[in-house]
C-alpha atoms as a PDB file:
ATOM      1  CA  MET A   1     -58.266 -42.390 -26.128  1.00  0.00           C
ATOM      2  CA  PHE A   2     -54.799 -41.176 -25.288  1.00  0.00           C
ATOM      3  CA  SER A   3     -52.684 -40.887 -21.963  1.00  0.00           C
ATOM      4  CA  ILE A   4     -51.331 -37.844 -20.529  1.00  0.00           C
ATOM      5  CA  TYR A   5     -47.994 -37.129 -18.747  1.00  0.00           C
ATOM      6  CA  ILE A   6     -47.663 -34.251 -16.548  1.00  0.00           C
ATOM      7  CA  LEU A   7     -44.045 -33.269 -15.845  1.00  0.00           C
ATOM      8  CA  THR A   8     -43.471 -31.117 -12.707  1.00  0.00           C
ATOM      9  CA  HIS A   9     -40.941 -29.985 -10.061  1.00  0.00           C
ATOM     10  CA  ASN A  10     -42.173 -27.621  -7.451  1.00  0.00           C
ATOM     11  CA  GLU A  11     -45.264 -26.781  -9.278  1.00  0.00           C
ATOM     12  CA  GLU A  12     -47.797 -26.164  -6.272  1.00  0.00           C
ATOM     13  CA  ILE A  13     -49.105 -22.979  -7.812  1.00  0.00           C
ATOM     14  CA  ASP A  14     -50.114 -24.608 -11.396  1.00  0.00           C
ATOM     15  CA  ILE A  15     -50.245 -28.234 -10.604  1.00  0.00           C
ATOM     16  CA  ALA A  16     -54.231 -28.379  -9.761  1.00  0.00           C
ATOM     17  CA  GLY A  17     -55.302 -26.307 -12.719  1.00  0.00           C
ATOM     18  CA  CYS A  18     -52.933 -28.495 -14.910  1.00  0.00           C
ATOM     19  CA  ILE A  19     -54.547 -31.779 -13.658  1.00  0.00           C
ATOM     20  CA  GLU A  20     -58.185 -30.695 -13.768  1.00  0.00           C
ATOM     21  CA  SER A  21     -57.703 -29.765 -17.432  1.00  0.00           C
ATOM     22  CA  ALA A  22     -56.068 -33.214 -18.126  1.00  0.00           C
ATOM     23  CA  LEU A  23     -58.656 -35.445 -16.545  1.00  0.00           C
ATOM     24  CA  LEU A  24     -60.594 -35.391 -20.077  1.00  0.00           C
ATOM     25  CA  SER A  25     -58.365 -38.361 -20.330  1.00  0.00           C
ATOM     26  CA  ASP A  26     -58.872 -41.626 -18.488  1.00  0.00           C
ATOM     27  CA  ASP A  27     -55.178 -41.984 -17.812  1.00  0.00           C
ATOM     28  CA  VAL A  28     -53.102 -39.194 -16.365  1.00  0.00           C
ATOM     29  CA  VAL A  29     -49.552 -39.636 -14.949  1.00  0.00           C
ATOM     30  CA  VAL A  30     -47.807 -36.971 -12.855  1.00  0.00           C
ATOM     31  CA  VAL A  31     -43.845 -37.343 -13.343  1.00  0.00           C
ATOM     32  CA  ASP A  32     -42.054 -35.584 -10.550  1.00  0.00           C
ATOM     33  CA  SER A  33     -38.739 -34.547 -10.279  1.00  0.00           C
ATOM     34  CA  LEU A  34     -38.658 -34.976  -6.438  1.00  0.00           C
ATOM     35  CA  SER A  35     -40.555 -31.703  -5.625  1.00  0.00           C
ATOM     36  CA  SER A  36     -39.808 -30.216  -2.055  1.00  0.00           C
ATOM     37  CA  ASP A  37     -43.034 -28.151  -2.134  1.00  0.00           C
ATOM     38  CA  ARG A  38     -46.574 -29.190  -1.824  1.00  0.00           C
ATOM     39  CA  THR A  39     -46.823 -30.563  -5.460  1.00  0.00           C
ATOM     40  CA  ILE A  40     -47.352 -34.180  -4.637  1.00  0.00           C
ATOM     41  CA  ASP A  41     -49.941 -33.579  -1.867  1.00  0.00           C
ATOM     42  CA  ILE A  42     -51.993 -31.601  -4.335  1.00  0.00           C
ATOM     43  CA  ALA A  43     -51.749 -34.067  -7.028  1.00  0.00           C
ATOM     44  CA  LYS A  44     -52.709 -36.987  -4.476  1.00  0.00           C
ATOM     45  CA  GLY A  45     -56.233 -35.234  -4.154  1.00  0.00           C
ATOM     46  CA  TYR A  46     -56.852 -36.147  -8.025  1.00  0.00           C
ATOM     47  CA  PRO A  47     -57.409 -39.553  -9.556  1.00  0.00           C
ATOM     48  CA  VAL A  48     -54.154 -39.419 -11.121  1.00  0.00           C
ATOM     49  CA  ARG A  49     -50.893 -41.779 -10.871  1.00  0.00           C
ATOM     50  CA  ILE A  50     -47.788 -40.266  -9.378  1.00  0.00           C
ATOM     51  CA  VAL A  51     -44.292 -41.408  -9.989  1.00  0.00           C
ATOM     52  CA  GLN A  52     -41.033 -39.574  -9.032  1.00  0.00           C
ATOM     53  CA  HIS A  53     -37.726 -39.559 -10.547  1.00  0.00           C
ATOM     54  CA  GLU A  54     -34.641 -37.779  -9.881  1.00  0.00           C
ATOM     55  CA  PHE A  55     -33.973 -35.157 -12.471  1.00  0.00           C
ATOM     56  CA  GLU A  56     -30.931 -35.372 -14.706  1.00  0.00           C
ATOM     57  CA  SER A  57     -31.677 -33.306 -17.709  1.00  0.00           C
ATOM     58  CA  HIS A  58     -34.796 -32.420 -19.676  1.00  0.00           C
ATOM     59  CA  GLY A  59     -34.047 -34.859 -22.417  1.00  0.00           C
ATOM     60  CA  LYS A  60     -33.119 -37.819 -20.266  1.00  0.00           C
ATOM     61  CA  GLN A  61     -36.285 -37.149 -17.774  1.00  0.00           C
ATOM     62  CA  ARG A  62     -38.563 -37.424 -20.800  1.00  0.00           C
ATOM     63  CA  THR A  63     -36.674 -40.596 -22.282  1.00  0.00           C
ATOM     64  CA  TRP A  64     -36.815 -42.224 -19.125  1.00  0.00           C
ATOM     65  CA  MET A  65     -40.696 -41.185 -18.562  1.00  0.00           C
ATOM     66  CA  LEU A  66     -41.396 -43.008 -21.955  1.00  0.00           C
ATOM     67  CA  GLN A  67     -39.346 -46.016 -21.334  1.00  0.00           C
ATOM     68  CA  SER A  68     -39.998 -46.702 -17.770  1.00  0.00           C
ATOM     69  CA  VAL A  69     -43.546 -45.393 -16.932  1.00  0.00           C
ATOM     70  CA  PRO A  70     -46.303 -47.731 -18.513  1.00  0.00           C
ATOM     71  CA  VAL A  71     -49.580 -45.962 -19.809  1.00  0.00           C
ATOM     72  CA  SER A  72     -53.050 -47.465 -20.675  1.00  0.00           C
ATOM     73  CA  HIS A  73     -52.634 -46.208 -24.410  1.00  0.00           C
ATOM     74  CA  ASP A  74     -50.428 -46.427 -27.350  1.00  0.00           C
ATOM     75  CA  TRP A  75     -50.649 -42.581 -27.891  1.00  0.00           C
ATOM     76  CA  VAL A  76     -49.435 -39.971 -25.112  1.00  0.00           C
ATOM     77  CA  TYR A  77     -49.541 -36.300 -24.730  1.00  0.00           C
ATOM     78  CA  ILE A  78     -47.101 -34.413 -22.677  1.00  0.00           C
ATOM     79  CA  LEU A  79     -48.174 -31.435 -20.677  1.00  0.00           C
ATOM     80  CA  GLU A  80     -45.897 -29.179 -18.427  1.00  0.00           C
ATOM     81  CA  ALA A  81     -47.522 -27.926 -15.257  1.00  0.00           C
ATOM     82  CA  ASP A  82     -47.831 -24.215 -16.476  1.00  0.00           C
ATOM     83  CA  GLU A  83     -49.747 -25.623 -19.808  1.00  0.00           C
ATOM     84  CA  ARG A  84     -53.358 -26.603 -19.971  1.00  0.00           C
ATOM     85  CA  MET A  85     -55.364 -29.191 -22.193  1.00  0.00           C
ATOM     86  CA  THR A  86     -58.429 -27.530 -23.672  1.00  0.00           C
ATOM     87  CA  PRO A  87     -61.535 -29.453 -24.500  1.00  0.00           C
ATOM     88  CA  GLU A  88     -61.283 -28.332 -28.161  1.00  0.00           C
ATOM     89  CA  LEU A  89     -57.496 -29.622 -28.439  1.00  0.00           C
ATOM     90  CA  PHE A  90     -58.325 -32.917 -26.734  1.00  0.00           C
ATOM     91  CA  GLN A  91     -61.237 -33.798 -29.233  1.00  0.00           C
ATOM     92  CA  GLU A  92     -58.915 -32.911 -32.145  1.00  0.00           C
ATOM     93  CA  CYS A  93     -56.216 -35.246 -30.646  1.00  0.00           C
ATOM     94  CA  LEU A  94     -58.954 -37.814 -30.309  1.00  0.00           C
ATOM     95  CA  ASP A  95     -59.916 -37.435 -33.903  1.00  0.00           C
ATOM     96  CA  LEU A  96     -56.689 -37.731 -35.002  1.00  0.00           C
ATOM     97  CA  ILE A  97     -55.616 -40.859 -33.387  1.00  0.00           C
ATOM     98  CA  GLN A  98     -58.490 -42.503 -34.747  1.00  0.00           C
ATOM     99  CA  HIS A  99     -57.248 -42.458 -38.278  1.00  0.00           C
ATOM    100  CA  PRO A 100     -53.551 -41.156 -37.893  1.00  0.00           C
ATOM    101  CA  HIS A 101     -51.574 -39.926 -40.890  1.00  0.00           C
ATOM    102  CA  HIS A 102     -48.581 -39.382 -38.796  1.00  0.00           C
ATOM    103  CA  ASP A 103     -46.477 -40.865 -35.899  1.00  0.00           C
ATOM    104  CA  ALA A 104     -46.271 -37.436 -33.955  1.00  0.00           C
ATOM    105  CA  TYR A 105     -47.868 -33.984 -33.735  1.00  0.00           C
ATOM    106  CA  TYR A 106     -46.862 -30.664 -33.070  1.00  0.00           C
ATOM    107  CA  VAL A 107     -49.235 -28.120 -31.200  1.00  0.00           C
ATOM    108  CA  ALA A 108     -48.738 -24.376 -31.099  1.00  0.00           C
ATOM    109  CA  GLU A 109     -48.595 -22.636 -27.651  1.00  0.00           C
ATOM    110  CA  ARG A 110     -50.287 -19.679 -26.871  1.00  0.00           C
ATOM    111  CA  VAL A 111     -47.841 -17.645 -24.267  1.00  0.00           C
ATOM    112  CA  ILE A 112     -50.097 -15.912 -21.503  1.00  0.00           C
ATOM    113  CA  PHE A 113     -47.978 -13.505 -19.591  1.00  0.00           C
ATOM    114  CA  MET A 114     -49.209 -10.703 -17.412  1.00  0.00           C
ATOM    115  CA  GLY A 115     -52.749 -11.583 -17.886  1.00  0.00           C
ATOM    116  CA  HIS A 116     -52.214 -11.123 -21.756  1.00  0.00           C
ATOM    117  CA  TRP A 117     -51.893 -13.617 -24.713  1.00  0.00           C
ATOM    118  CA  ILE A 118     -48.403 -12.482 -26.273  1.00  0.00           C
ATOM    119  CA  ARG A 119     -49.638 -12.936 -29.823  1.00  0.00           C
ATOM    120  CA  HIS A 120     -46.928 -11.361 -31.872  1.00  0.00           C
ATOM    121  CA  SER A 121     -43.314 -11.703 -30.139  1.00  0.00           C
ATOM    122  CA  THR A 122     -43.577 -15.157 -29.306  1.00  0.00           C
ATOM    123  CA  GLN A 123     -43.313 -16.113 -32.974  1.00  0.00           C
ATOM    124  CA  TYR A 124     -47.016 -17.648 -33.090  1.00  0.00           C
ATOM    125  CA  PRO A 125     -47.562 -20.164 -33.949  1.00  0.00           C
ATOM    126  CA  ARG A 126     -44.652 -21.416 -32.271  1.00  0.00           C
ATOM    127  CA  TYR A 127     -44.887 -25.303 -32.254  1.00  0.00           C
ATOM    128  CA  GLN A 128     -43.956 -27.984 -29.745  1.00  0.00           C
ATOM    129  CA  LEU A 129     -44.123 -31.812 -29.974  1.00  0.00           C
ATOM    130  CA  ARG A 130     -46.859 -32.892 -27.765  1.00  0.00           C
ATOM    131  CA  LEU A 131     -49.126 -35.826 -29.068  1.00  0.00           C
ATOM    132  CA  PHE A 132     -47.296 -38.881 -30.327  1.00  0.00           C
ATOM    133  CA  ARG A 133     -46.968 -42.992 -30.309  1.00  0.00           C
ATOM    134  CA  LYS A 134     -45.098 -43.518 -27.255  1.00  0.00           C
ATOM    135  CA  ASP A 135     -42.907 -45.983 -29.021  1.00  0.00           C
ATOM    136  CA  LYS A 136     -41.918 -43.582 -31.791  1.00  0.00           C
ATOM    137  CA  VAL A 137     -40.038 -40.748 -29.861  1.00  0.00           C
ATOM    138  CA  TRP A 138     -37.238 -40.174 -27.455  1.00  0.00           C
ATOM    139  CA  PHE A 139     -35.463 -37.029 -26.596  1.00  0.00           C
ATOM    140  CA  THR A 140     -32.105 -35.453 -26.511  1.00  0.00           C
ATOM    141  CA  ASP A 141     -30.569 -32.320 -24.571  1.00  0.00           C
ATOM    142  CA  TYR A 142     -30.175 -29.114 -26.104  1.00  0.00           C
ATOM    143  CA  GLY A 143     -29.080 -26.140 -24.086  1.00  0.00           C
ATOM    144  CA  HIS A 144     -31.429 -25.965 -21.229  1.00  0.00           C
ATOM    145  CA  THR A 145     -34.251 -27.842 -22.703  1.00  0.00           C
ATOM    146  CA  GLU A 146     -34.558 -30.829 -24.963  1.00  0.00           C
ATOM    147  CA  ARG A 147     -35.100 -31.853 -28.478  1.00  0.00           C
ATOM    148  CA  GLU A 148     -37.256 -34.631 -29.805  1.00  0.00           C
ATOM    149  CA  VAL A 149     -35.956 -37.512 -32.048  1.00  0.00           C
ATOM    150  CA  ILE A 150     -38.859 -39.047 -34.112  1.00  0.00           C
ATOM    151  CA  ASN A 151     -38.980 -42.427 -35.744  1.00  0.00           C
ATOM    152  CA  GLY A 152     -41.781 -41.615 -38.107  1.00  0.00           C
ATOM    153  CA  THR A 153     -43.431 -38.796 -39.736  1.00  0.00           C
ATOM    154  CA  THR A 154     -44.986 -35.554 -38.309  1.00  0.00           C
ATOM    155  CA  GLY A 155     -48.060 -33.464 -38.497  1.00  0.00           C
ATOM    156  CA  PHE A 156     -49.527 -30.297 -37.206  1.00  0.00           C
ATOM    157  CA  ILE A 157     -52.651 -29.781 -35.203  1.00  0.00           C
ATOM    158  CA  LYS A 158     -54.856 -26.903 -35.554  1.00  0.00           C
ATOM    159  CA  GLU A 159     -56.092 -26.173 -32.162  1.00  0.00           C
ATOM    160  CA  THR A 160     -53.508 -24.610 -29.641  1.00  0.00           C
ATOM    161  CA  TYR A 161     -52.884 -24.758 -25.862  1.00  0.00           C
ATOM    162  CA  PRO A 162     -52.412 -21.972 -23.294  1.00  0.00           C
ATOM    163  CA  HIS A 163     -48.870 -21.925 -21.676  1.00  0.00           C
ATOM    164  CA  TYR A 164     -49.220 -19.716 -18.242  1.00  0.00           C
ATOM    165  CA  THR A 165     -45.443 -18.613 -18.291  1.00  0.00           C
ATOM    166  CA  CYS A 166     -44.323 -16.576 -15.327  1.00  0.00           C
ATOM    167  CA  GLY A 167     -47.253 -17.451 -13.182  1.00  0.00           C
ATOM    168  CA  LYS A 168     -45.065 -17.758 -10.144  1.00  0.00           C
ATOM    169  CA  GLY A 169     -43.833 -14.153 -10.580  1.00  0.00           C
ATOM    170  CA  MET A 170     -40.765 -12.263 -11.937  1.00  0.00           C
ATOM    171  CA  SER A 171     -38.382 -13.349  -9.195  1.00  0.00           C
ATOM    172  CA  ARG A 172     -39.087 -16.786  -9.947  1.00  0.00           C
ATOM    173  CA  TRP A 173     -38.658 -16.247 -13.682  1.00  0.00           C
ATOM    174  CA  ILE A 174     -35.102 -14.434 -13.240  1.00  0.00           C
ATOM    175  CA  GLU A 175     -34.114 -17.188 -11.020  1.00  0.00           C
ATOM    176  CA  LYS A 176     -35.054 -19.823 -13.379  1.00  0.00           C
ATOM    177  CA  HIS A 177     -33.558 -18.104 -16.462  1.00  0.00           C
ATOM    178  CA  ASN A 178     -30.386 -17.565 -14.420  1.00  0.00           C
ATOM    179  CA  ARG A 179     -30.045 -21.158 -14.438  1.00  0.00           C
ATOM    180  CA  TYR A 180     -30.940 -21.715 -17.879  1.00  0.00           C
ATOM    181  CA  SER A 181     -28.673 -19.305 -19.102  1.00  0.00           C
ATOM    182  CA  THR A 182     -25.540 -21.535 -17.887  1.00  0.00           C
ATOM    183  CA  ASN A 183     -26.759 -24.609 -19.907  1.00  0.00           C
ATOM    184  CA  GLU A 184     -27.424 -22.120 -23.046  1.00  0.00           C
ATOM    185  CA  ALA A 185     -23.943 -20.697 -22.628  1.00  0.00           C
ATOM    186  CA  ILE A 186     -22.355 -24.212 -22.813  1.00  0.00           C
ATOM    187  CA  GLU A 187     -24.579 -25.114 -25.824  1.00  0.00           C
ATOM    188  CA  THR A 188     -23.612 -21.825 -27.409  1.00  0.00           C
ATOM    189  CA  LEU A 189     -19.823 -22.795 -27.103  1.00  0.00           C
ATOM    190  CA  ARG A 190     -20.478 -26.350 -28.459  1.00  0.00           C
ATOM    191  CA  GLN A 191     -22.331 -24.965 -31.345  1.00  0.00           C
ATOM    192  CA  LEU A 192     -19.916 -22.338 -32.352  1.00  0.00           C
ATOM    193  CA  ALA A 193     -17.118 -24.859 -32.194  1.00  0.00           C
ATOM    194  CA  THR A 194     -18.841 -27.830 -33.943  1.00  0.00           C
ATOM    195  CA  GLY A 195     -22.101 -26.509 -35.423  1.00  0.00           C
ATOM    196  CA  ARG A 196     -23.009 -24.507 -38.551  1.00  0.00           C
ATOM    197  CA  VAL A 197     -26.143 -22.599 -39.905  1.00  0.00           C
ATOM    198  CA  ALA A 198     -28.429 -24.465 -41.870  1.00  0.00           C
ATOM    199  CA  TRP A 199     -29.107 -21.948 -44.288  1.00  0.00           C
ATOM    200  CA  LYS A 200     -31.333 -23.940 -46.741  1.00  0.00           C
ATOM    201  CA  ALA A 201     -33.361 -24.655 -43.516  1.00  0.00           C
ATOM    202  CA  LEU A 202     -33.552 -21.309 -42.384  1.00  0.00           C
ATOM    203  CA  PHE A 203     -34.979 -20.050 -45.768  1.00  0.00           C
ATOM    204  CA  LEU A 204     -36.704 -23.159 -47.291  1.00  0.00           C
ATOM    205  CA  GLY A 205     -37.600 -25.156 -44.149  1.00  0.00           C
ATOM    206  CA  GLU A 206     -40.647 -27.113 -44.684  1.00  0.00           C
ATOM    207  CA  SER A 207     -41.944 -26.527 -41.191  1.00  0.00           C
ATOM    208  CA  GLU A 208     -42.052 -23.600 -38.656  1.00  0.00           C
ATOM    209  CA  VAL A 209     -39.994 -25.764 -36.238  1.00  0.00           C
ATOM    210  CA  GLU A 210     -37.144 -26.370 -38.860  1.00  0.00           C
ATOM    211  CA  ARG A 211     -36.932 -22.787 -39.808  1.00  0.00           C
ATOM    212  CA  ARG A 212     -37.039 -21.744 -36.144  1.00  0.00           C
ATOM    213  CA  ARG A 213     -34.172 -23.987 -35.020  1.00  0.00           C
ATOM    214  CA  ALA A 214     -32.071 -22.857 -37.984  1.00  0.00           C
ATOM    215  CA  LEU A 215     -32.722 -19.233 -36.788  1.00  0.00           C
ATOM    216  CA  LYS A 216     -31.415 -20.220 -33.465  1.00  0.00           C
ATOM    217  CA  ASP A 217     -28.131 -21.520 -34.786  1.00  0.00           C
ATOM    218  CA  LEU A 218     -27.641 -18.166 -36.872  1.00  0.00           C
ATOM    219  CA  SER A 219     -28.460 -15.980 -33.815  1.00  0.00           C
ATOM    220  CA  LEU A 220     -25.682 -17.654 -31.780  1.00  0.00           C
ATOM    221  CA  ARG A 221     -23.302 -16.145 -34.205  1.00  0.00           C
ATOM    222  CA  LEU A 222     -24.618 -12.451 -34.457  1.00  0.00           C
ATOM    223  CA  PRO A 223     -22.788  -9.542 -32.657  1.00  0.00           C
ATOM    224  CA  PHE A 224     -25.136  -7.472 -30.110  1.00  0.00           C
ATOM    225  CA  ARG A 225     -27.299 -10.459 -29.765  1.00  0.00           C
ATOM    226  CA  PRO A 226     -29.402  -8.886 -26.860  1.00  0.00           C
ATOM    227  CA  LEU A 227     -30.112  -5.636 -28.811  1.00  0.00           C
ATOM    228  CA  ILE A 228     -30.940  -7.504 -32.199  1.00  0.00           C
ATOM    229  CA  ARG A 229     -33.179  -9.878 -30.229  1.00  0.00           C
ATOM    230  CA  PHE A 230     -35.108  -6.925 -28.710  1.00  0.00           C
ATOM    231  CA  VAL A 231     -35.384  -5.093 -31.984  1.00  0.00           C
ATOM    232  CA  TYR A 232     -36.388  -8.335 -33.792  1.00  0.00           C
ATOM    233  CA  MET A 233     -39.185  -9.286 -31.247  1.00  0.00           C
ATOM    234  CA  TYR A 234     -40.536  -5.798 -30.732  1.00  0.00           C
ATOM    235  CA  PHE A 235     -40.518  -3.987 -33.934  1.00  0.00           C
ATOM    236  CA  PHE A 236     -40.111  -6.953 -36.722  1.00  0.00           C
ATOM    237  CA  LEU A 237     -42.514  -9.587 -35.045  1.00  0.00           C
ATOM    238  CA  GLY A 238     -44.877  -6.692 -33.690  1.00  0.00           C
ATOM    239  CA  GLY A 239     -44.280  -7.081 -30.020  1.00  0.00           C
ATOM    240  CA  TRP A 240     -45.387  -3.510 -29.566  1.00  0.00           C
ATOM    241  CA  LEU A 241     -48.920  -4.684 -30.532  1.00  0.00           C
ATOM    242  CA  ASP A 242     -49.092  -6.957 -27.265  1.00  0.00           C
ATOM    243  CA  GLY A 243     -48.995  -3.675 -25.201  1.00  0.00           C
ATOM    244  CA  ARG A 244     -47.224  -3.406 -22.002  1.00  0.00           C
ATOM    245  CA  ALA A 245     -46.929  -7.026 -21.479  1.00  0.00           C
ATOM    246  CA  GLY A 246     -45.373  -7.383 -24.900  1.00  0.00           C
ATOM    247  CA  PHE A 247     -42.725  -4.537 -24.175  1.00  0.00           C
ATOM    248  CA  THR A 248     -41.780  -6.507 -20.853  1.00  0.00           C
ATOM    249  CA  TRP A 249     -41.795  -9.893 -22.367  1.00  0.00           C
ATOM    250  CA  CYS A 250     -39.292  -8.422 -25.321  1.00  0.00           C
ATOM    251  CA  MET A 251     -36.975  -6.702 -22.589  1.00  0.00           C
ATOM    252  CA  LEU A 252     -36.862 -10.114 -20.424  1.00  0.00           C
ATOM    253  CA  GLN A 253     -36.058 -11.928 -23.591  1.00  0.00           C
ATOM    254  CA  ALA A 254     -33.152  -9.491 -24.298  1.00  0.00           C
ATOM    255  CA  PHE A 255     -31.994  -9.687 -20.725  1.00  0.00           C
ATOM    256  CA  TYR A 256     -31.800 -13.455 -21.006  1.00  0.00           C
ATOM    257  CA  GLU A 257     -29.666 -13.246 -24.018  1.00  0.00           C
ATOM    258  CA  TYR A 258     -27.274 -10.943 -22.301  1.00  0.00           C
ATOM    259  CA  LEU A 259     -27.064 -13.443 -19.335  1.00  0.00           C
ATOM    260  CA  ILE A 260     -26.248 -16.189 -21.854  1.00  0.00           C
ATOM    261  CA  LEU A 261     -23.415 -13.864 -23.366  1.00  0.00           C
ATOM    262  CA  LEU A 262     -21.959 -12.954 -19.789  1.00  0.00           C
ATOM    263  CA  LYS A 263     -22.031 -16.702 -19.155  1.00  0.00           C
ATOM    264  CA  VAL A 264     -19.897 -17.414 -22.463  1.00  0.00           C
ATOM    265  CA  TRP A 265     -17.518 -14.746 -21.506  1.00  0.00           C
ATOM    266  CA  GLU A 266     -17.207 -16.187 -17.983  1.00  0.00           C
ATOM    267  CA  MET A 267     -16.476 -19.822 -19.254  1.00  0.00           C
ATOM    268  CA  GLN A 268     -13.853 -18.441 -21.774  1.00  0.00           C
ATOM    269  CA  HIS A 269     -12.086 -15.953 -19.422  1.00  0.00           C
ATOM    270  CA  LEU A 270     -12.644 -17.143 -15.804  1.00  0.00           C
ATOM    271  CA  PRO A 271     -11.300 -20.374 -14.065  1.00  0.00           C
ATOM    272  CA  ILE A 272     -14.889 -21.395 -13.127  1.00  0.00           C
ATOM    273  CA  GLN A 273     -15.866 -24.919 -13.996  1.00  0.00           C
ATOM    274  CA  PRO A 274     -19.310 -24.808 -15.282  1.00  0.00           C
ATOM    275  CA  PRO A 275     -21.963 -27.445 -14.150  1.00  0.00           C
ATOM    276  CA  GLN A 276     -22.760 -30.400 -16.613  1.00  0.00           C
ATOM    277  CA  LEU A 277     -25.619 -29.718 -19.078  1.00  0.00           C
ATOM    278  CA  GLY A 278     -29.203 -29.950 -17.682  1.00  0.00           C
ATOM    279  CA  GLU A 279     -27.896 -30.101 -14.144  1.00  0.00           C
ATOM    280  CA  MET A 280     -30.505 -28.033 -12.655  1.00  0.00           C
ATOM    281  CA  PRO A 281     -33.867 -29.650 -12.323  1.00  0.00           C
ATOM    282  CA  SER A 282     -36.807 -27.641 -13.782  1.00  0.00           C
ATOM    283  CA  ASN A 283     -39.426 -28.576 -16.263  1.00  0.00           C
ATOM    284  CA  GLU A 284     -40.672 -25.033 -16.914  1.00  0.00           C
ATOM    285  CA  ALA A 285     -40.463 -23.887 -20.711  1.00  0.00           C
ATOM    286  CA  SER A 286     -38.974 -20.578 -21.668  1.00  0.00           C
ATOM    287  CA  ALA A 287     -39.321 -18.672 -25.107  1.00  0.00           C
ATOM    288  CA  SER A 288     -36.053 -18.998 -26.530  1.00  0.00           C
ATOM    289  CA  LEU A 289     -35.949 -18.803 -30.298  1.00  0.00           C
END
């Protein structure tokens, strides 16, 4: 068996469905970033443990969780509130940890948006680290989100998990990505000043994760990024095959890129002190490159 962590912040819309999907495990822990809505009240209605910790950043929150919140099993799985565990995925995870060949495993997400699976423009299969030995992984910050550091080898799980993005409405998505864009702008300036494009990983990377991250670093240096991102996602990745939901998704991602560029310009030309990286609390995922 493995334990399941659920990360939350103001997730009253999604938390019940997430917990119910996670109860396949006998050890579920809700790690909450001091929610101000009904998230905790709803979670208390289920046989789960609840801990709260003030949010600093995505990487620090996850690392604190792994180091400070004890669980019943050596293997853990991380869920965010708008994600779901499935019986098929749960069984594959159980099978893997019986005779593990690696210390951590990536799982591909299926982005559900406007009631449809965005199969093409989300770069499916797009992998996230989810299942791992608790003592082998910690996290650092990157832009608005986090990146894992793994002391061991990694593998890939065949089953996928649904990610119900934008389930709280378009206004929430815009508000959330307005916050995210500030941290992405800070990371963009840092990467342009100190980073480089990993060309070998871009073309010859051993995994989707390695190639995607190299593509992200390249995209920071391209002119007309919002337009390029829309063309890339809608035409080259086949977002047009995802119908109206796919068109809307691609437009929103291009808009997000434009917000980042505006924040970069603002930080370079206006006397505004940007917040520290990871300042705003939110555990919701986005679909950046």
